[in-house]
Protein backbone atom coordinates (compact mmCIF):
# COMPACT_ATOMS: atom_id res chain seq x y z
CA UNK A 1 -17.64 -41.26 -20.37
CA UNK A 2 -14.70 -41.81 -23.04
CA UNK A 3 -14.24 -39.11 -25.44
CA UNK A 4 -12.82 -37.90 -27.98
CA UNK A 5 -9.79 -35.71 -27.90
CA UNK A 6 -7.75 -33.17 -30.16
CA UNK A 7 -4.60 -33.33 -28.83
CA UNK A 8 -2.45 -29.71 -29.75
CA UNK A 9 1.16 -29.69 -29.64
CA UNK A 10 4.32 -27.89 -31.31
CA UNK A 11 5.02 -29.19 -34.55
CA UNK A 12 6.92 -26.82 -37.39
CA UNK A 13 7.45 -24.79 -34.09
CA UNK A 14 9.45 -27.01 -32.30
CA UNK A 15 9.84 -30.80 -31.31
CA UNK A 16 11.75 -30.67 -28.04
CA UNK A 17 8.40 -31.90 -26.38
CA UNK A 18 7.62 -34.62 -28.83
CA UNK A 19 8.38 -37.57 -26.14
CA UNK A 20 6.11 -35.34 -23.75
CA UNK A 21 3.38 -35.26 -25.96
CA UNK A 22 3.50 -38.99 -26.56
CA UNK A 23 3.27 -39.76 -23.02
CA UNK A 24 0.32 -37.30 -22.53
CA UNK A 25 -1.31 -39.19 -25.64
CA UNK A 26 -0.70 -42.46 -23.84
CA UNK A 27 -1.75 -41.54 -20.88
CA UNK A 28 -5.42 -40.36 -22.70
CA UNK A 29 -5.48 -43.49 -24.15
CA UNK A 30 -4.95 -45.56 -21.10
CA UNK A 31 -8.00 -43.82 -19.96
CA UNK A 32 -9.51 -44.97 -22.58
CA UNK A 33 -10.31 -41.76 -24.69
CA UNK A 34 -9.76 -41.56 -28.51
CA UNK A 35 -6.82 -39.35 -29.89
CA UNK A 36 -7.79 -37.98 -33.08
CA UNK A 37 -4.32 -36.68 -33.23
CA UNK A 38 -1.93 -39.60 -32.01
CA UNK A 39 0.57 -38.47 -34.80
CA UNK A 40 1.38 -35.48 -32.91
CA UNK A 41 3.15 -37.47 -30.52
CA UNK A 42 5.24 -39.49 -32.79
CA UNK A 43 9.30 -38.78 -32.34
CA UNK A 44 9.69 -39.87 -36.02
CA UNK A 45 6.99 -37.11 -37.62
CA UNK A 46 7.86 -35.36 -40.72
CA UNK A 47 8.78 -32.16 -40.52
CA UNK A 48 9.34 -31.32 -44.28
CA UNK A 49 7.46 -29.09 -45.78
CA UNK A 50 4.54 -30.28 -47.32
CA UNK A 51 3.63 -27.54 -50.44
CA UNK A 52 0.55 -26.01 -50.74
CA UNK A 53 -1.77 -29.06 -51.53
CA UNK A 54 -0.18 -30.94 -48.65
CA UNK A 55 -0.86 -28.07 -46.44
CA UNK A 56 -4.22 -27.69 -47.47
CA UNK A 57 -4.89 -31.70 -46.36
CA UNK A 58 -3.54 -31.02 -43.08
CA UNK A 59 -5.55 -27.57 -42.84
CA UNK A 60 -8.71 -29.64 -43.45
CA UNK A 61 -8.17 -32.61 -42.04
CA UNK A 62 -7.12 -31.04 -38.88
CA UNK A 63 -10.13 -28.49 -38.79
CA UNK A 64 -12.38 -31.58 -39.25
CA UNK A 65 -11.14 -33.23 -36.41
CA UNK A 66 -11.69 -30.24 -34.32
CA UNK A 67 -15.16 -30.03 -35.18
CA UNK A 68 -15.35 -33.76 -34.72
CA UNK A 69 -13.93 -33.79 -31.02
CA UNK A 70 -15.34 -33.67 -27.59
CA UNK A 71 -12.59 -31.18 -26.27
CA UNK A 72 -9.03 -30.29 -27.05
CA UNK A 73 -5.87 -30.93 -24.73
CA UNK A 74 -3.14 -28.45 -25.48
CA UNK A 75 0.29 -28.52 -24.29
CA UNK A 76 2.02 -25.13 -25.15
CA UNK A 77 5.27 -25.16 -23.80
CA UNK A 78 6.83 -24.78 -26.63
CA UNK A 79 5.02 -21.67 -28.74
CA UNK A 80 3.01 -22.29 -31.98
CA UNK A 81 1.38 -20.42 -34.47
CA UNK A 82 -0.62 -23.61 -35.84
CA UNK A 83 -1.27 -24.25 -31.83
CA UNK A 84 -2.56 -20.91 -31.47
CA UNK A 85 -4.89 -21.27 -34.21
CA UNK A 86 -6.32 -24.63 -33.58
CA UNK A 87 -7.10 -23.16 -30.10
CA UNK A 88 -8.92 -20.28 -31.72
CA UNK A 89 -10.76 -22.65 -34.05
CA UNK A 90 -11.96 -24.69 -31.04
CA UNK A 91 -13.27 -21.86 -29.21
CA UNK A 92 -15.15 -20.54 -32.72
CA UNK A 93 -16.67 -23.75 -32.41
CA UNK A 94 -17.26 -23.77 -28.59
CA UNK A 95 -15.24 -26.89 -27.96
CA UNK A 96 -13.94 -27.01 -24.47
CA UNK A 97 -10.04 -26.27 -24.52
CA UNK A 98 -7.82 -27.30 -21.75
CA UNK A 99 -3.98 -25.95 -22.05
CA UNK A 100 -0.73 -27.08 -20.12
CA UNK A 101 2.22 -25.37 -19.63
CA UNK A 102 5.29 -25.77 -17.94
CA UNK A 103 5.72 -22.49 -15.62
CA UNK A 104 9.33 -23.31 -15.27
CA UNK A 105 10.24 -23.08 -18.90
CA UNK A 106 7.80 -20.40 -20.59
CA UNK A 107 5.13 -17.53 -19.72
CA UNK A 108 2.20 -18.28 -21.69
CA UNK A 109 0.75 -15.55 -23.80
CA UNK A 110 -1.83 -13.13 -22.42
CA UNK A 111 -3.87 -13.72 -25.11
CA UNK A 112 -4.49 -17.24 -24.03
CA UNK A 113 -4.03 -16.17 -20.18
CA UNK A 114 -6.17 -13.29 -20.53
CA UNK A 115 -9.12 -15.35 -22.19
CA UNK A 116 -11.69 -16.54 -19.76
CA UNK A 117 -12.65 -19.17 -21.98
CA UNK A 118 -9.72 -21.20 -21.48
CA UNK A 119 -9.08 -23.85 -19.23
CA UNK A 120 -5.44 -23.34 -18.26
CA UNK A 121 -3.17 -25.77 -15.98
CA UNK A 122 0.04 -24.61 -15.15
CA UNK A 123 2.66 -27.20 -13.51
CA UNK A 124 6.26 -27.85 -12.63
CA UNK A 125 7.30 -31.51 -13.35
CA UNK A 126 5.51 -34.08 -15.50
CA UNK A 127 4.71 -35.83 -12.23
CA UNK A 128 2.34 -32.96 -11.47
CA UNK A 129 1.16 -32.46 -15.27
CA UNK A 130 0.12 -36.27 -15.68
CA UNK A 131 -2.03 -35.93 -12.32
CA UNK A 132 -3.78 -32.64 -13.65
CA UNK A 133 -4.34 -34.26 -16.77
CA UNK A 134 -5.71 -37.72 -15.14
CA UNK A 135 -8.14 -35.54 -12.81
CA UNK A 136 -9.45 -33.83 -15.95
CA UNK A 137 -10.08 -36.82 -18.04
CA UNK A 138 -11.42 -39.04 -14.96
CA UNK A 139 -14.35 -37.03 -14.34
């Protein structure tokens, strides 16, 4: 079954993994799924402050997408306050949440690993990540 996926990855918290996000989004799309937040994988994403009105538009759009999605896929190697908020919002709205992180680059927060609601997938390299993602989304 094809799904609407909310992809979460760091934007203002740091764009070091932007190309990884892009590749993950490409894989999800190649499997036939719709990624509502495709822009998160853009390597040319504008990081300028939006101001209160712009930030309100972002919040309203992102929370609407979270309510609309079938599941959330998050890459959490680069810590992000926004992604943390999105994960809690998804949990509150009972959306399945799948969190990926590179165990060689970070230690995931206990607020995530200690919460049995979240499905967490540590990986050591991109090949392992894409195999995990493929297995998850091919079900």
